[in-house]
Amino acid sequence: MRLSTKGRFAVTAMIDVGLRENAGPVSLADIASRHQISLSYLEQLFSKLRQHSLVESTRGPGGGYSLARGAEAISVADIIGAVEGNPATDPAESVTDGAAAMTAELWATLNAKMIAHLQSITLRSLVAEQRARGVKVEQRPARKGVFKMNPAEPVRTSAPNSVFALGSLALARR
């Protein structure tokens, strides 16, 4: 399993969705602005996460992404495996070089332990950890339908409001 910024960004975005799972779908534009991640990059990541049934999408106004299953059923290994892809062959089996063959078993064991550890960390525990650190989640209503605009303040002017008032003002100045 590879660990790269792709996996790091995917885990960060999934924690963001997990923090807001009770507030409805989360738009990728909001995630991008909160974490300074490119929107097109997030679209690629969430496409893979959706293909692996980790998130589901909602279209239209107020749409976005939400968790496809409970946060306790999603592990960090699931997230990283979805965006990084799983290697087709085991690195230890493909090694034929003498020098690399000496350490192949070490790396295969390390990789297995790393995967086991990442499978033991759930998205729910990461969300709970963020909440314990005091991360505030803004509660904004879902944007659905037509928006009611705030009433505009009336404009108060001292200018005459008719031709007659303007005429009387002009006559008064003479």
N, C-alpha and C. Protein backbone atom coordinates (compact mmCIF):
# COMPACT_ATOMS: atom_id res chain seq x y z
N MET A 1 0.85 -1.18 0.00
CA MET A 1 0.00 0.00 0.00
C MET A 1 0.89 1.23 0.00
N ARG A 2 0.54 2.17 -0.89
CA ARG A 2 1.32 3.41 -0.99
C ARG A 2 0.68 4.49 -0.12
N LEU A 3 1.51 5.30 0.49
CA LEU A 3 1.03 6.45 1.24
C LEU A 3 1.55 7.70 0.53
N SER A 4 0.63 8.53 0.06
CA SER A 4 1.02 9.74 -0.66
C SER A 4 0.07 10.86 -0.28
N THR A 5 0.26 12.02 -0.89
CA THR A 5 -0.63 13.15 -0.62
C THR A 5 -2.05 12.86 -1.09
N LYS A 6 -2.19 12.01 -2.10
CA LYS A 6 -3.52 11.64 -2.57
C LYS A 6 -4.31 10.97 -1.43
N GLY A 7 -3.67 10.04 -0.74
CA GLY A 7 -4.31 9.39 0.40
C GLY A 7 -4.55 10.35 1.55
N ARG A 8 -3.58 11.21 1.79
CA ARG A 8 -3.72 12.19 2.87
C ARG A 8 -4.89 13.13 2.62
N PHE A 9 -5.01 13.64 1.37
CA PHE A 9 -6.12 14.53 1.04
C PHE A 9 -7.45 13.79 1.12
N ALA A 10 -7.48 12.54 0.71
CA ALA A 10 -8.72 11.76 0.76
C ALA A 10 -9.16 11.55 2.21
N VAL A 11 -8.23 11.24 3.09
CA VAL A 11 -8.58 11.05 4.51
C VAL A 11 -9.05 12.37 5.11
N THR A 12 -8.38 13.47 4.78
CA THR A 12 -8.78 14.79 5.28
C THR A 12 -10.20 15.13 4.82
N ALA A 13 -10.49 14.90 3.55
CA ALA A 13 -11.81 15.21 3.01
C ALA A 13 -12.88 14.31 3.63
N MET A 14 -12.55 13.05 3.86
CA MET A 14 -13.53 12.14 4.47
C MET A 14 -13.80 12.52 5.93
N ILE A 15 -12.79 13.00 6.64
CA ILE A 15 -13.02 13.48 8.01
C ILE A 15 -13.95 14.68 7.96
N ASP A 16 -13.75 15.57 6.99
CA ASP A 16 -14.62 16.74 6.83
C ASP A 16 -16.06 16.30 6.60
N VAL A 17 -16.27 15.33 5.72
CA VAL A 17 -17.63 14.83 5.45
C VAL A 17 -18.18 14.16 6.70
N GLY A 18 -17.34 13.41 7.41
CA GLY A 18 -17.76 12.74 8.64
C GLY A 18 -18.16 13.72 9.73
N LEU A 19 -17.45 14.84 9.84
CA LEU A 19 -17.80 15.86 10.83
C LEU A 19 -19.17 16.47 10.56
N ARG A 20 -19.56 16.50 9.30
CA ARG A 20 -20.81 17.15 8.90
C ARG A 20 -21.87 16.15 8.45
N GLU A 21 -21.75 14.89 8.87
CA GLU A 21 -22.66 13.87 8.37
C GLU A 21 -24.12 14.10 8.78
N ASN A 22 -24.37 14.80 9.86
CA ASN A 22 -25.74 15.07 10.29
C ASN A 22 -26.31 16.34 9.65
N ALA A 23 -25.49 17.11 8.95
CA ALA A 23 -25.92 18.37 8.36
C ALA A 23 -26.30 18.24 6.90
N GLY A 24 -26.31 17.03 6.37
CA GLY A 24 -26.66 16.83 4.97
C GLY A 24 -25.43 16.75 4.10
N PRO A 25 -25.64 16.68 2.79
CA PRO A 25 -24.51 16.54 1.86
C PRO A 25 -23.55 17.73 1.94
N VAL A 26 -22.28 17.44 1.75
CA VAL A 26 -21.22 18.45 1.80
C VAL A 26 -20.71 18.66 0.38
N SER A 27 -20.68 19.92 -0.05
CA SER A 27 -20.21 20.19 -1.41
C SER A 27 -18.69 20.16 -1.46
N LEU A 28 -18.18 19.74 -2.61
CA LEU A 28 -16.73 19.69 -2.78
C LEU A 28 -16.12 21.08 -2.77
N ALA A 29 -16.88 22.08 -3.22
CA ALA A 29 -16.37 23.45 -3.20
C ALA A 29 -16.12 23.90 -1.76
N ASP A 30 -17.00 23.51 -0.83
CA ASP A 30 -16.79 23.87 0.57
C ASP A 30 -15.56 23.16 1.14
N ILE A 31 -15.40 21.89 0.82
CA ILE A 31 -14.22 21.15 1.29
C ILE A 31 -12.95 21.77 0.72
N ALA A 32 -12.99 22.10 -0.56
CA ALA A 32 -11.82 22.69 -1.22
C ALA A 32 -11.42 24.00 -0.57
N SER A 33 -12.39 24.84 -0.24
CA SER A 33 -12.06 26.13 0.37
C SER A 33 -11.59 25.97 1.82
N ARG A 34 -12.15 25.02 2.55
CA ARG A 34 -11.73 24.83 3.94
C ARG A 34 -10.32 24.27 4.06
N HIS A 35 -9.92 23.40 3.12
CA HIS A 35 -8.64 22.71 3.26
C HIS A 35 -7.62 23.08 2.18
N GLN A 36 -7.94 24.07 1.36
CA GLN A 36 -7.05 24.52 0.29
C GLN A 36 -6.59 23.36 -0.59
N ILE A 37 -7.58 22.59 -1.07
CA ILE A 37 -7.33 21.49 -2.00
C ILE A 37 -8.03 21.85 -3.30
N SER A 38 -7.38 21.58 -4.40
CA SER A 38 -7.96 21.87 -5.71
C SER A 38 -9.30 21.15 -5.89
N LEU A 39 -10.28 21.88 -6.40
CA LEU A 39 -11.61 21.31 -6.62
C LEU A 39 -11.55 20.16 -7.63
N SER A 40 -10.80 20.32 -8.70
CA SER A 40 -10.72 19.25 -9.70
C SER A 40 -10.03 18.01 -9.12
N TYR A 41 -9.07 18.20 -8.23
CA TYR A 41 -8.41 17.08 -7.57
C TYR A 41 -9.40 16.35 -6.66
N LEU A 42 -10.20 17.11 -5.92
CA LEU A 42 -11.22 16.50 -5.07
C LEU A 42 -12.24 15.73 -5.89
N GLU A 43 -12.60 16.26 -7.06
CA GLU A 43 -13.56 15.55 -7.91
C GLU A 43 -13.01 14.18 -8.32
N GLN A 44 -11.71 14.12 -8.63
CA GLN A 44 -11.09 12.84 -8.98
C GLN A 44 -11.11 11.88 -7.79
N LEU A 45 -10.76 12.40 -6.61
CA LEU A 45 -10.73 11.56 -5.42
C LEU A 45 -12.11 11.03 -5.08
N PHE A 46 -13.11 11.92 -5.11
CA PHE A 46 -14.46 11.50 -4.73
C PHE A 46 -15.09 10.58 -5.77
N SER A 47 -14.64 10.66 -6.99
CA SER A 47 -15.10 9.71 -8.00
C SER A 47 -14.66 8.30 -7.61
N LYS A 48 -13.41 8.17 -7.19
CA LYS A 48 -12.90 6.86 -6.75
C LYS A 48 -13.56 6.40 -5.45
N LEU A 49 -13.77 7.34 -4.53
CA LEU A 49 -14.43 6.98 -3.26
C LEU A 49 -15.86 6.52 -3.51
N ARG A 50 -16.53 7.14 -4.48
CA ARG A 50 -17.90 6.75 -4.82
C ARG A 50 -17.91 5.37 -5.48
N GLN A 51 -16.93 5.09 -6.35
CA GLN A 51 -16.84 3.78 -6.99
C GLN A 51 -16.63 2.66 -5.98
N HIS A 52 -15.98 2.97 -4.87
CA HIS A 52 -15.73 1.98 -3.82
C HIS A 52 -16.81 2.01 -2.73
N SER A 53 -17.92 2.70 -3.00
CA SER A 53 -19.08 2.76 -2.09
C SER A 53 -18.75 3.31 -0.72
N LEU A 54 -17.85 4.29 -0.66
CA LEU A 54 -17.54 4.95 0.60
C LEU A 54 -18.36 6.23 0.77
N VAL A 55 -18.70 6.89 -0.34
CA VAL A 55 -19.54 8.08 -0.31
C VAL A 55 -20.65 7.93 -1.35
N GLU A 56 -21.69 8.71 -1.17
CA GLU A 56 -22.74 8.77 -2.18
C GLU A 56 -23.00 10.24 -2.48
N SER A 57 -23.41 10.49 -3.71
CA SER A 57 -23.58 11.87 -4.14
C SER A 57 -25.05 12.22 -4.25
N THR A 58 -25.33 13.50 -4.03
CA THR A 58 -26.66 14.07 -4.18
C THR A 58 -26.54 15.23 -5.14
N ARG A 59 -27.37 15.22 -6.18
CA ARG A 59 -27.31 16.29 -7.18
C ARG A 59 -28.27 17.40 -6.84
N GLY A 60 -28.05 18.53 -7.50
CA GLY A 60 -28.98 19.65 -7.38
C GLY A 60 -28.60 20.63 -6.30
N PRO A 61 -29.47 21.65 -6.11
CA PRO A 61 -29.21 22.64 -5.06
C PRO A 61 -29.16 21.96 -3.68
N GLY A 62 -28.18 22.30 -2.91
CA GLY A 62 -28.01 21.68 -1.59
C GLY A 62 -27.38 20.31 -1.68
N GLY A 63 -26.91 19.93 -2.87
CA GLY A 63 -26.32 18.61 -3.06
C GLY A 63 -24.86 18.57 -2.64
N GLY A 64 -24.28 17.41 -2.76
CA GLY A 64 -22.89 17.21 -2.40
C GLY A 64 -22.66 15.74 -2.11
N TYR A 65 -21.76 15.47 -1.19
CA TYR A 65 -21.41 14.09 -0.86
C TYR A 65 -21.70 13.82 0.61
N SER A 66 -22.14 12.60 0.88
CA SER A 66 -22.34 12.13 2.25
C SER A 66 -21.79 10.71 2.34
N LEU A 67 -21.61 10.22 3.55
CA LEU A 67 -21.06 8.89 3.74
C LEU A 67 -22.07 7.84 3.26
N ALA A 68 -21.59 6.83 2.56
CA ALA A 68 -22.47 5.78 2.05
C ALA A 68 -22.80 4.76 3.12
N ARG A 69 -21.98 4.69 4.15
CA ARG A 69 -22.25 3.80 5.28
C ARG A 69 -21.75 4.49 6.54
N GLY A 70 -22.00 3.90 7.67
CA GLY A 70 -21.61 4.52 8.92
C GLY A 70 -20.12 4.75 9.03
N ALA A 71 -19.74 5.81 9.70
CA ALA A 71 -18.33 6.15 9.85
C ALA A 71 -17.56 5.07 10.60
N GLU A 72 -18.25 4.30 11.44
CA GLU A 72 -17.57 3.22 12.16
C GLU A 72 -17.25 2.04 11.25
N ALA A 73 -17.90 1.98 10.07
CA ALA A 73 -17.67 0.89 9.12
C ALA A 73 -16.65 1.25 8.04
N ILE A 74 -16.08 2.44 8.12
CA ILE A 74 -15.10 2.88 7.13
C ILE A 74 -13.75 3.02 7.82
N SER A 75 -12.75 2.32 7.32
CA SER A 75 -11.41 2.41 7.91
C SER A 75 -10.51 3.30 7.04
N VAL A 76 -9.41 3.72 7.62
CA VAL A 76 -8.44 4.52 6.88
C VAL A 76 -7.87 3.68 5.73
N ALA A 77 -7.71 2.39 5.94
CA ALA A 77 -7.21 1.51 4.87
C ALA A 77 -8.19 1.48 3.70
N ASP A 78 -9.50 1.51 3.99
CA ASP A 78 -10.51 1.55 2.92
C ASP A 78 -10.35 2.81 2.08
N ILE A 79 -10.17 3.94 2.75
CA ILE A 79 -10.06 5.23 2.06
C ILE A 79 -8.81 5.27 1.20
N ILE A 80 -7.67 4.91 1.79
CA ILE A 80 -6.41 4.96 1.05
C ILE A 80 -6.40 3.93 -0.07
N GLY A 81 -6.93 2.76 0.19
CA GLY A 81 -7.01 1.73 -0.85
C GLY A 81 -7.87 2.16 -2.02
N ALA A 82 -8.94 2.91 -1.74
CA ALA A 82 -9.83 3.37 -2.81
C ALA A 82 -9.14 4.36 -3.73
N VAL A 83 -8.40 5.31 -3.18
CA VAL A 83 -7.80 6.35 -4.02
C VAL A 83 -6.43 5.97 -4.57
N GLU A 84 -5.69 5.14 -3.86
CA GLU A 84 -4.36 4.75 -4.31
C GLU A 84 -4.40 3.52 -5.21
N GLY A 85 -5.43 2.71 -5.04
CA GLY A 85 -5.50 1.46 -5.79
C GLY A 85 -4.66 0.41 -5.10
N ASN A 86 -5.03 -0.82 -5.28
CA ASN A 86 -4.29 -1.92 -4.68
C ASN A 86 -3.35 -2.50 -5.71
N PRO A 87 -2.10 -2.70 -5.35
CA PRO A 87 -1.16 -3.27 -6.32
C PRO A 87 -1.59 -4.67 -6.73
N ALA A 88 -1.41 -4.98 -8.01
CA ALA A 88 -1.85 -6.28 -8.54
C ALA A 88 -1.00 -7.42 -8.01
N THR A 89 0.27 -7.17 -7.78
CA THR A 89 1.15 -8.25 -7.31
C THR A 89 1.79 -7.86 -6.00
N ASP A 90 2.13 -8.84 -5.25
CA ASP A 90 2.83 -8.62 -4.00
C ASP A 90 4.29 -8.28 -4.32
N PRO A 91 4.82 -7.19 -3.76
CA PRO A 91 6.20 -6.81 -4.08
C PRO A 91 7.21 -7.91 -3.76
N ALA A 92 6.93 -8.72 -2.73
CA ALA A 92 7.88 -9.77 -2.35
C ALA A 92 7.94 -10.86 -3.41
N GLU A 93 6.84 -11.12 -4.13
CA GLU A 93 6.81 -12.17 -5.14
C GLU A 93 7.51 -11.74 -6.42
N SER A 94 7.54 -10.45 -6.72
CA SER A 94 8.10 -9.99 -7.99
C SER A 94 9.60 -9.74 -7.91
N VAL A 95 10.21 -9.89 -6.75
CA VAL A 95 11.63 -9.60 -6.58
C VAL A 95 12.45 -10.82 -6.98
N THR A 96 13.37 -10.62 -7.92
CA THR A 96 14.28 -11.70 -8.31
C THR A 96 15.73 -11.30 -8.10
N ASP A 97 15.98 -10.01 -7.96
CA ASP A 97 17.34 -9.50 -7.76
C ASP A 97 17.83 -9.96 -6.39
N GLY A 98 19.07 -10.37 -6.30
CA GLY A 98 19.62 -10.90 -5.05
C GLY A 98 19.60 -9.91 -3.91
N ALA A 99 20.02 -8.66 -4.15
CA ALA A 99 20.09 -7.66 -3.09
C ALA A 99 18.68 -7.28 -2.60
N ALA A 100 17.76 -7.12 -3.52
CA ALA A 100 16.40 -6.75 -3.13
C ALA A 100 15.68 -7.92 -2.50
N ALA A 101 16.00 -9.14 -2.88
CA ALA A 101 15.34 -10.32 -2.32
C ALA A 101 15.66 -10.48 -0.84
N MET A 102 16.80 -9.97 -0.41
CA MET A 102 17.19 -10.10 1.00
C MET A 102 16.26 -9.31 1.90
N THR A 103 15.74 -8.19 1.44
CA THR A 103 14.88 -7.36 2.28
C THR A 103 13.40 -7.44 1.89
N ALA A 104 13.08 -8.23 0.87
CA ALA A 104 11.69 -8.30 0.40
C ALA A 104 10.75 -8.77 1.50
N GLU A 105 11.17 -9.75 2.27
CA GLU A 105 10.31 -10.26 3.34
C GLU A 105 10.08 -9.19 4.41
N LEU A 106 11.12 -8.42 4.71
CA LEU A 106 10.99 -7.32 5.67
C LEU A 106 9.93 -6.33 5.21
N TRP A 107 10.01 -5.91 3.93
CA TRP A 107 9.06 -4.92 3.43
C TRP A 107 7.65 -5.49 3.33
N ALA A 108 7.54 -6.76 2.98
CA ALA A 108 6.21 -7.39 2.91
C ALA A 108 5.58 -7.46 4.31
N THR A 109 6.38 -7.78 5.31
CA THR A 109 5.87 -7.84 6.69
C THR A 109 5.49 -6.45 7.18
N LEU A 110 6.33 -5.47 6.87
CA LEU A 110 6.03 -4.10 7.26
C LEU A 110 4.74 -3.61 6.60
N ASN A 111 4.58 -3.91 5.33
CA ASN A 111 3.38 -3.52 4.60
C ASN A 111 2.13 -4.17 5.21
N ALA A 112 2.22 -5.45 5.57
CA ALA A 112 1.09 -6.15 6.18
C ALA A 112 0.73 -5.53 7.52
N LYS A 113 1.74 -5.18 8.32
CA LYS A 113 1.46 -4.55 9.62
C LYS A 113 0.87 -3.16 9.45
N MET A 114 1.35 -2.44 8.44
CA MET A 114 0.82 -1.11 8.19
C MET A 114 -0.66 -1.20 7.77
N ILE A 115 -0.99 -2.13 6.90
CA ILE A 115 -2.37 -2.31 6.47
C ILE A 115 -3.25 -2.70 7.66
N ALA A 116 -2.76 -3.62 8.49
CA ALA A 116 -3.53 -4.03 9.67
C ALA A 116 -3.78 -2.86 10.60
N HIS A 117 -2.77 -2.02 10.78
CA HIS A 117 -2.93 -0.85 11.66
C HIS A 117 -3.94 0.14 11.06
N LEU A 118 -3.84 0.41 9.76
CA LEU A 118 -4.77 1.35 9.12
C LEU A 118 -6.20 0.81 9.11
N GLN A 119 -6.36 -0.52 9.07
CA GLN A 119 -7.69 -1.11 9.13
C GLN A 119 -8.29 -0.98 10.53
N SER A 120 -7.44 -0.82 11.54
CA SER A 120 -7.95 -0.70 12.91
C SER A 120 -8.40 0.73 13.24
N ILE A 121 -8.08 1.68 12.39
CA ILE A 121 -8.48 3.08 12.62
C ILE A 121 -9.72 3.37 11.81
N THR A 122 -10.82 3.70 12.50
CA THR A 122 -12.07 3.99 11.80
C THR A 122 -12.23 5.49 11.59
N LEU A 123 -13.05 5.82 10.61
CA LEU A 123 -13.37 7.22 10.37
C LEU A 123 -14.06 7.82 11.58
N ARG A 124 -14.89 7.05 12.26
CA ARG A 124 -15.58 7.52 13.47
C ARG A 124 -14.57 7.96 14.52
N SER A 125 -13.49 7.20 14.70
CA SER A 125 -12.49 7.58 15.72
C SER A 125 -11.75 8.85 15.32
N LEU A 126 -11.49 9.03 14.02
CA LEU A 126 -10.83 10.26 13.57
C LEU A 126 -11.74 11.48 13.74
N VAL A 127 -13.03 11.30 13.48
CA VAL A 127 -14.00 12.39 13.66
C VAL A 127 -14.10 12.74 15.15
N ALA A 128 -14.17 11.71 16.00
CA ALA A 128 -14.25 11.95 17.44
C ALA A 128 -12.99 12.66 17.95
N GLU A 129 -11.85 12.30 17.40
CA GLU A 129 -10.59 12.95 17.78
C GLU A 129 -10.60 14.43 17.41
N GLN A 130 -11.13 14.76 16.24
CA GLN A 130 -11.21 16.16 15.82
C GLN A 130 -12.17 16.94 16.70
N ARG A 131 -13.28 16.33 17.05
CA ARG A 131 -14.25 17.00 17.93
C ARG A 131 -13.64 17.22 19.31
N ALA A 132 -12.86 16.25 19.79
CA ALA A 132 -12.21 16.39 21.10
C ALA A 132 -11.18 17.52 21.08
N ARG A 133 -10.58 17.77 19.92
CA ARG A 133 -9.62 18.87 19.79
C ARG A 133 -10.31 20.22 19.69
N GLY A 134 -11.63 20.22 19.59
CA GLY A 134 -12.37 21.48 19.56
C GLY A 134 -12.66 22.02 18.18
N VAL A 135 -12.61 21.17 17.16
CA VAL A 135 -12.92 21.61 15.81
C VAL A 135 -14.39 22.00 15.76
N LYS A 136 -14.66 23.21 15.34
CA LYS A 136 -16.03 23.71 15.25
C LYS A 136 -16.59 23.43 13.86
N VAL A 137 -17.80 22.93 13.84
CA VAL A 137 -18.49 22.67 12.58
C VAL A 137 -19.61 23.68 12.47
N GLU A 138 -19.52 24.53 11.44
CA GLU A 138 -20.55 25.55 11.27
C GLU A 138 -21.86 24.88 10.88
N GLN A 139 -22.92 25.31 11.49
CA GLN A 139 -24.24 24.78 11.20
C GLN A 139 -24.95 25.75 10.29
N ARG A 140 -24.93 25.47 9.02
CA ARG A 140 -25.65 26.34 8.09
C ARG A 140 -26.73 25.51 7.43
N PRO A 141 -27.86 26.10 7.21
CA PRO A 141 -28.95 25.33 6.62
C PRO A 141 -28.62 24.94 5.19
N ALA A 142 -29.16 23.81 4.78
CA ALA A 142 -28.95 23.36 3.41
C ALA A 142 -29.61 24.34 2.46
N ARG A 143 -28.93 24.64 1.36
CA ARG A 143 -29.46 25.58 0.38
C ARG A 143 -30.39 24.82 -0.56
N LYS A 144 -31.65 25.02 -0.36
CA LYS A 144 -32.63 24.35 -1.21
C LYS A 144 -33.66 25.36 -1.68
N GLY A 145 -34.01 25.28 -2.91
CA GLY A 145 -35.09 26.10 -3.44
C GLY A 145 -34.72 27.56 -3.63
N VAL A 146 -35.75 28.37 -3.65
CA VAL A 146 -35.59 29.80 -3.89
C VAL A 146 -35.24 30.48 -2.57
N PHE A 147 -34.28 31.38 -2.62
CA PHE A 147 -33.83 32.06 -1.42
C PHE A 147 -34.65 33.31 -1.18
N LYS A 148 -34.97 33.57 0.07
CA LYS A 148 -35.65 34.79 0.44
C LYS A 148 -34.58 35.83 0.71
N MET A 149 -34.69 36.95 0.02
CA MET A 149 -33.70 38.00 0.20
C MET A 149 -34.10 38.89 1.37
N ASN A 150 -33.11 39.43 2.03
CA ASN A 150 -33.37 40.37 3.10
C ASN A 150 -33.98 41.64 2.51
N PRO A 151 -34.96 42.23 3.21
CA PRO A 151 -35.56 43.45 2.66
C PRO A 151 -34.53 44.59 2.62
N ALA A 152 -34.59 45.34 1.55
CA ALA A 152 -33.65 46.45 1.38
C ALA A 152 -34.08 47.63 2.24
N GLU A 153 -33.09 48.34 2.75
CA GLU A 153 -33.37 49.54 3.53
C GLU A 153 -33.93 50.62 2.60
N PRO A 154 -34.94 51.36 3.04
CA PRO A 154 -35.45 52.43 2.18
C PRO A 154 -34.39 53.53 2.03
N VAL A 155 -34.36 54.11 0.85
CA VAL A 155 -33.39 55.16 0.56
C VAL A 155 -34.01 56.50 0.94
N ARG A 156 -33.34 57.24 1.78
CA ARG A 156 -33.81 58.56 2.23
C ARG A 156 -33.00 59.62 1.50
N THR A 157 -33.70 60.46 0.77
CA THR A 157 -33.01 61.55 0.07
C THR A 157 -33.64 62.87 0.45
N SER A 158 -32.89 63.91 0.26
CA SER A 158 -33.42 65.25 0.52
C SER A 158 -33.78 65.93 -0.80
N ALA A 159 -33.71 65.20 -1.89
CA ALA A 159 -34.03 65.77 -3.19
C ALA A 159 -35.55 65.82 -3.36
N PRO A 160 -36.04 66.79 -4.11
CA PRO A 160 -37.48 66.87 -4.36
C PRO A 160 -37.97 65.64 -5.11
N ASN A 161 -39.20 65.20 -4.76
CA ASN A 161 -39.69 63.97 -5.34
C ASN A 161 -40.69 64.19 -6.48
N SER A 162 -40.86 65.42 -6.91
CA SER A 162 -41.76 65.67 -8.04
C SER A 162 -41.29 66.92 -8.78
N VAL A 163 -41.87 67.12 -9.97
CA VAL A 163 -41.54 68.29 -10.78
C VAL A 163 -42.03 69.55 -10.08
N PHE A 164 -43.18 69.47 -9.41
CA PHE A 164 -43.73 70.63 -8.73
C PHE A 164 -42.87 71.05 -7.54
N ALA A 165 -42.36 70.07 -6.80
CA ALA A 165 -41.48 70.37 -5.67
C ALA A 165 -40.18 70.96 -6.18
N LEU A 166 -39.70 70.46 -7.29
CA LEU A 166 -38.48 70.98 -7.87
C LEU A 166 -38.69 72.42 -8.33
N GLY A 167 -39.86 72.68 -8.95
CA GLY A 167 -40.18 74.03 -9.40
C GLY A 167 -40.30 74.99 -8.24
N SER A 168 -40.96 74.56 -7.17
CA SER A 168 -41.11 75.46 -6.02
C SER A 168 -39.77 75.72 -5.35
N LEU A 169 -38.88 74.72 -5.37
CA LEU A 169 -37.56 74.89 -4.81
C LEU A 169 -36.75 75.87 -5.65
N ALA A 170 -36.88 75.80 -6.96
CA ALA A 170 -36.19 76.71 -7.86
C ALA A 170 -36.72 78.15 -7.71
N LEU A 171 -38.04 78.30 -7.52
CA LEU A 171 -38.63 79.63 -7.33
C LEU A 171 -38.23 80.24 -5.99
N ALA A 172 -38.05 79.38 -4.98
CA ALA A 172 -37.70 79.87 -3.64
C ALA A 172 -36.27 80.42 -3.62
N ARG A 173 -35.42 79.93 -4.49
CA ARG A 173 -34.02 80.37 -4.51
C ARG A 173 -33.88 81.73 -5.19
N ARG A 174 -34.85 82.19 -5.96
CA ARG A 174 -34.73 83.46 -6.68
C ARG A 174 -34.84 84.62 -5.79
